[in-house]
Amino acid sequence: MHSLINYLVGYETKRKRLLKKVPKGPLHDFLSVPFPALDTPIDELPILAVDFETTGLDAKADKLLSVGFVLLDQEQIKLNSSYHQIIKAKTQLEESNVIIHQITDAQKEQGQPLATVVEQLLKALAGKVMLVHFARIERQFLQQACLELYGFMPDFPMIDTLVVAKRKLDKRDVAYDPSELRLSNLRHQLKLPDHHGHDALNDAIATAELLLAQMANRANTDNILLKDIIL
């Protein structure tokens, strides 16, 4: 528990320190809003479910292709807050990659600049916790985008539905197949319907639904606080 408290205090300390260095603009506006308190109950926690489609897994070498997000507020998914945007990335797409995310070069050329999309994301994310499935992708690509656009790499408090599931499996002390932690497989285990994956908005909504199901599946949902599920 103390390590978690120190972790979130670290987030806040680093946010305030970075705020003093960052010039006026989208990142400064994001950093101007405090992160939610560690003892915030899950049903009062402002959450933004986020998903990225990318050209690969290396945030330094690969590019963001699309961003999708949706607000999860008071344990309700606010579909009217949905956002999805393809990014006009300066890269030629590989055929093998297009097969997965279904974003073509033609669509990419009609997309919005990275700066525009990241600004929209930071506006939506201010004062909230980011919800993702497999945090490494969203954390590294968003930090890299901020570095490219603003010259700084902020930290982002996150909830990861993969980690929520992994912690539960690890408590059983029984070997399991890592494929059980895939978004689609976890949704299946919790009786959620199939969804069309590898679309940033669809995956963001699917992740929000998964978190709600994970919380409902816990023994005592009334006492779930941010400190219980934050990375």
Protein backbone atom coordinates (compact mmCIF):
# COMPACT_ATOMS: atom_id res chain seq x y z
CA MET A 1 0.00 0.00 0.00
CA HIS A 2 2.77 2.44 0.92
CA SER A 3 4.50 1.81 -2.40
CA LEU A 4 1.27 2.69 -4.20
CA ILE A 5 0.88 5.87 -2.17
CA ASN A 6 4.45 6.83 -2.95
CA TYR A 7 3.83 6.03 -6.61
CA LEU A 8 0.87 8.37 -6.93
CA VAL A 9 2.59 11.03 -4.85
CA GLY A 10 5.41 10.61 -7.35
CA TYR A 11 2.98 11.22 -10.20
CA GLU A 12 1.75 14.41 -8.55
CA THR A 13 5.23 15.61 -7.65
CA LYS A 14 6.47 15.06 -11.18
CA ARG A 15 3.35 16.70 -12.63
CA LYS A 16 3.91 19.87 -10.58
CA ARG A 17 7.62 19.92 -11.35
CA LEU A 18 7.08 19.49 -15.09
CA LEU A 19 4.30 22.09 -15.09
CA LYS A 20 6.87 24.73 -14.12
CA LYS A 21 9.02 23.86 -17.13
CA VAL A 22 6.45 23.39 -19.89
CA PRO A 23 5.47 26.49 -21.90
CA LYS A 24 1.84 27.46 -22.43
CA GLY A 25 0.00 25.06 -24.69
CA PRO A 26 -1.81 21.70 -24.69
CA LEU A 27 0.68 19.88 -22.44
CA HIS A 28 0.76 22.76 -19.96
CA ASP A 29 -3.04 22.75 -19.84
CA PHE A 30 -3.05 18.99 -19.21
CA LEU A 31 -0.48 19.27 -16.43
CA SER A 32 -2.40 22.15 -14.81
CA VAL A 33 -5.13 19.76 -13.64
CA PRO A 34 -4.31 17.53 -10.61
CA PHE A 35 -4.57 13.77 -10.99
CA PRO A 36 -7.38 11.99 -9.10
CA ALA A 37 -6.64 11.14 -5.46
CA LEU A 38 -5.51 7.62 -4.65
CA ASP A 39 -8.48 7.01 -2.34
CA THR A 40 -11.09 7.91 -5.01
CA PRO A 41 -13.75 5.15 -5.18
CA ILE A 42 -14.04 3.44 -8.56
CA ASP A 43 -17.63 4.63 -8.95
CA GLU A 44 -16.48 8.26 -8.59
CA LEU A 45 -13.31 7.95 -10.63
CA PRO A 46 -13.14 9.88 -13.92
CA ILE A 47 -11.61 7.46 -16.43
CA LEU A 48 -10.75 7.82 -20.10
CA ALA A 49 -10.49 4.50 -21.95
CA VAL A 50 -7.87 4.92 -24.68
CA ASP A 51 -6.52 2.79 -27.50
CA PHE A 52 -3.94 3.38 -30.22
CA GLU A 53 -3.30 1.73 -33.55
CA THR A 54 0.35 1.98 -34.57
CA THR A 55 2.67 0.94 -37.39
CA GLY A 56 4.59 -1.31 -34.97
CA LEU A 57 5.59 -1.81 -31.35
CA ASP A 58 8.63 0.49 -31.13
CA ALA A 59 7.53 3.97 -30.06
CA LYS A 60 10.78 5.54 -31.29
CA ALA A 61 10.83 3.90 -34.72
CA ASP A 62 7.12 3.41 -35.41
CA LYS A 63 4.24 5.86 -35.72
CA LEU A 64 0.80 6.46 -34.24
CA LEU A 65 -1.87 5.68 -36.83
CA SER A 66 -5.10 6.30 -34.95
CA VAL A 67 -6.44 7.25 -31.54
CA GLY A 68 -9.75 6.26 -30.01
CA PHE A 69 -11.13 7.12 -26.59
CA VAL A 70 -14.35 7.15 -24.60
CA LEU A 71 -15.25 8.50 -21.16
CA LEU A 72 -16.10 6.15 -18.31
CA ASP A 73 -17.80 8.16 -15.57
CA GLN A 74 -19.63 6.87 -12.50
CA GLU A 75 -19.30 3.35 -13.92
CA GLN A 76 -21.11 4.33 -17.10
CA ILE A 77 -19.62 4.41 -20.59
CA LYS A 78 -20.50 7.78 -22.14
CA LEU A 79 -20.77 6.88 -25.82
CA ASN A 80 -21.52 10.51 -26.71
CA SER A 81 -17.93 11.28 -25.66
CA SER A 82 -16.50 8.85 -28.23
CA TYR A 83 -13.57 10.07 -30.31
CA HIS A 84 -11.77 8.37 -33.17
CA GLN A 85 -9.23 9.92 -35.50
CA ILE A 86 -6.74 8.61 -38.04
CA ILE A 87 -3.39 10.41 -38.00
CA LYS A 88 -1.57 11.64 -41.08
CA ALA A 89 1.69 9.83 -40.33
CA LYS A 90 4.72 10.41 -42.53
CA THR A 91 5.40 6.77 -43.27
CA GLN A 92 4.57 4.15 -45.88
CA LEU A 93 2.35 1.45 -44.42
CA GLU A 94 3.39 -2.19 -44.63
CA GLU A 95 0.85 -4.58 -46.15
CA SER A 96 1.11 -6.94 -43.18
CA ASN A 97 0.26 -4.04 -40.86
CA VAL A 98 -2.68 -2.85 -42.96
CA ILE A 99 -4.22 -6.32 -42.74
CA ILE A 100 -4.38 -5.92 -38.96
CA HIS A 101 -5.58 -2.35 -38.46
CA GLN A 102 -7.36 -1.88 -41.84
CA ILE A 103 -6.02 1.65 -42.20
CA THR A 104 -4.84 2.32 -45.74
CA ASP A 105 -2.35 4.88 -47.05
CA ALA A 106 -5.25 6.74 -48.67
CA GLN A 107 -7.10 6.97 -45.35
CA LYS A 108 -3.92 8.03 -43.59
CA GLU A 109 -3.40 10.87 -46.04
CA GLN A 110 -6.87 12.17 -45.15
CA GLY A 111 -6.08 12.04 -41.43
CA GLN A 112 -5.37 14.85 -38.97
CA PRO A 113 -1.88 16.00 -37.93
CA LEU A 114 -0.39 14.33 -34.87
CA ALA A 115 -0.40 17.64 -32.99
CA THR A 116 -4.16 18.05 -33.47
CA VAL A 117 -4.98 14.53 -32.30
CA VAL A 118 -2.67 14.59 -29.27
CA GLU A 119 -4.11 17.95 -28.23
CA GLN A 120 -7.63 16.48 -28.30
CA LEU A 121 -6.48 13.50 -26.28
CA LEU A 122 -4.74 15.62 -23.63
CA LYS A 123 -7.83 17.83 -23.30
CA ALA A 124 -10.02 14.78 -22.71
CA LEU A 125 -7.48 13.20 -20.37
CA ALA A 126 -6.96 16.18 -18.04
CA GLY A 127 -7.88 15.27 -14.46
CA LYS A 128 -8.62 11.65 -15.35
CA VAL A 129 -6.92 8.28 -15.19
CA MET A 130 -6.14 6.58 -18.48
CA LEU A 131 -7.60 3.10 -18.96
CA VAL A 132 -5.86 0.78 -21.42
CA HIS A 133 -5.23 -2.86 -22.20
CA PHE A 134 -1.47 -3.57 -22.24
CA ALA A 135 -0.19 -0.22 -21.01
CA ARG A 136 3.26 -0.30 -22.60
CA ILE A 137 1.93 0.68 -26.03
CA GLU A 138 -0.20 3.66 -24.98
CA ARG A 139 2.31 4.92 -22.40
CA GLN A 140 5.36 4.78 -24.65
CA PHE A 141 3.69 6.09 -27.80
CA LEU A 142 1.96 8.97 -25.99
CA GLN A 143 5.15 9.92 -24.18
CA GLN A 144 7.09 9.81 -27.44
CA ALA A 145 4.44 11.95 -29.16
CA CYS A 146 4.65 14.51 -26.34
CA LEU A 147 8.44 14.52 -26.62
CA GLU A 148 8.24 15.17 -30.36
CA LEU A 149 5.56 17.85 -30.06
CA TYR A 150 6.43 19.59 -26.80
CA GLY A 151 9.94 18.48 -25.86
CA PHE A 152 8.83 16.75 -22.63
CA MET A 153 7.74 13.22 -21.63
CA PRO A 154 5.06 13.35 -18.89
CA ASP A 155 3.94 10.42 -16.80
CA PHE A 156 0.34 9.26 -17.03
CA PRO A 157 -1.54 7.47 -14.20
CA MET A 158 -3.01 4.33 -15.75
CA ILE A 159 -5.29 1.39 -15.11
CA ASP A 160 -4.49 -1.65 -17.24
CA THR A 161 -7.19 -4.31 -17.61
CA LEU A 162 -4.48 -6.81 -18.52
CA VAL A 163 -2.73 -6.15 -15.19
CA VAL A 164 -6.02 -6.31 -13.27
CA ALA A 165 -6.59 -9.78 -14.74
CA LYS A 166 -2.96 -10.85 -14.24
CA ARG A 167 -2.99 -9.91 -10.55
CA LYS A 168 -6.07 -12.06 -10.04
CA LEU A 169 -4.52 -15.01 -11.89
CA ASP A 170 -1.24 -14.67 -10.01
CA LYS A 171 -3.07 -14.94 -6.67
CA ARG A 172 -4.21 -18.43 -7.67
CA ASP A 173 -0.57 -19.52 -7.88
CA VAL A 174 -1.46 -21.80 -10.79
CA ALA A 175 0.23 -21.77 -14.20
CA TYR A 176 -1.78 -20.16 -16.98
CA ASP A 177 -1.41 -19.47 -20.68
CA PRO A 178 -0.45 -15.80 -21.31
CA SER A 179 -2.97 -15.79 -24.18
CA GLU A 180 -5.66 -15.79 -21.48
CA LEU A 181 -4.76 -12.13 -20.92
CA ARG A 182 -5.68 -10.99 -24.42
CA LEU A 183 -8.51 -8.49 -24.56
CA SER A 184 -10.81 -10.76 -26.57
CA ASN A 185 -10.12 -13.78 -24.34
CA LEU A 186 -10.73 -11.87 -21.11
CA ARG A 187 -13.99 -10.52 -22.50
CA HIS A 188 -15.03 -14.05 -23.45
CA GLN A 189 -14.24 -15.33 -19.95
CA LEU A 190 -16.52 -12.65 -18.47
CA LYS A 191 -19.36 -13.39 -20.94
CA LEU A 192 -18.96 -10.14 -22.87
CA PRO A 193 -19.89 -10.18 -26.57
CA ASP A 194 -17.34 -10.35 -29.37
CA HIS A 195 -16.12 -7.00 -30.67
CA HIS A 196 -14.39 -5.86 -33.83
CA GLY A 197 -10.80 -5.52 -32.66
CA HIS A 198 -7.87 -3.50 -34.02
CA ASP A 199 -10.02 -0.40 -34.34
CA ALA A 200 -8.92 2.20 -31.80
CA LEU A 201 -12.39 3.30 -30.70
CA ASN A 202 -13.85 -0.21 -30.68
CA ASP A 203 -10.95 -1.42 -28.54
CA ALA A 204 -11.28 1.55 -26.17
CA ILE A 205 -14.97 0.78 -25.65
CA ALA A 206 -14.21 -2.94 -25.31
CA THR A 207 -11.61 -2.15 -22.64
CA ALA A 208 -14.06 0.06 -20.73
CA GLU A 209 -16.64 -2.75 -20.80
CA LEU A 210 -14.02 -5.22 -19.61
CA LEU A 211 -13.06 -3.05 -16.63
CA LEU A 212 -16.72 -2.74 -15.58
CA ALA A 213 -17.09 -6.52 -15.81
CA GLN A 214 -13.87 -7.07 -13.85
CA MET A 215 -15.03 -4.76 -11.08
CA ALA A 216 -18.48 -6.36 -10.97
CA ASN A 217 -16.80 -9.76 -10.70
CA ARG A 218 -14.91 -8.81 -7.55
CA ALA A 219 -16.19 -9.93 -4.16
CA ASN A 220 -16.64 -6.46 -2.66
CA THR A 221 -17.19 -3.82 -5.34
CA ASP A 222 -18.21 -1.14 -2.82
CA ASN A 223 -14.66 -0.74 -1.52
CA ILE A 224 -12.67 -0.60 -4.78
CA LEU A 225 -10.46 2.49 -4.76
CA LEU A 226 -8.02 3.84 -7.32
CA LYS A 227 -5.12 2.54 -5.21
CA ASP A 228 -6.47 -1.01 -5.67
CA ILE A 229 -6.17 -0.99 -9.45
CA ILE A 230 -3.67 1.68 -10.50
CA LEU A 231 -0.45 0.51 -12.16
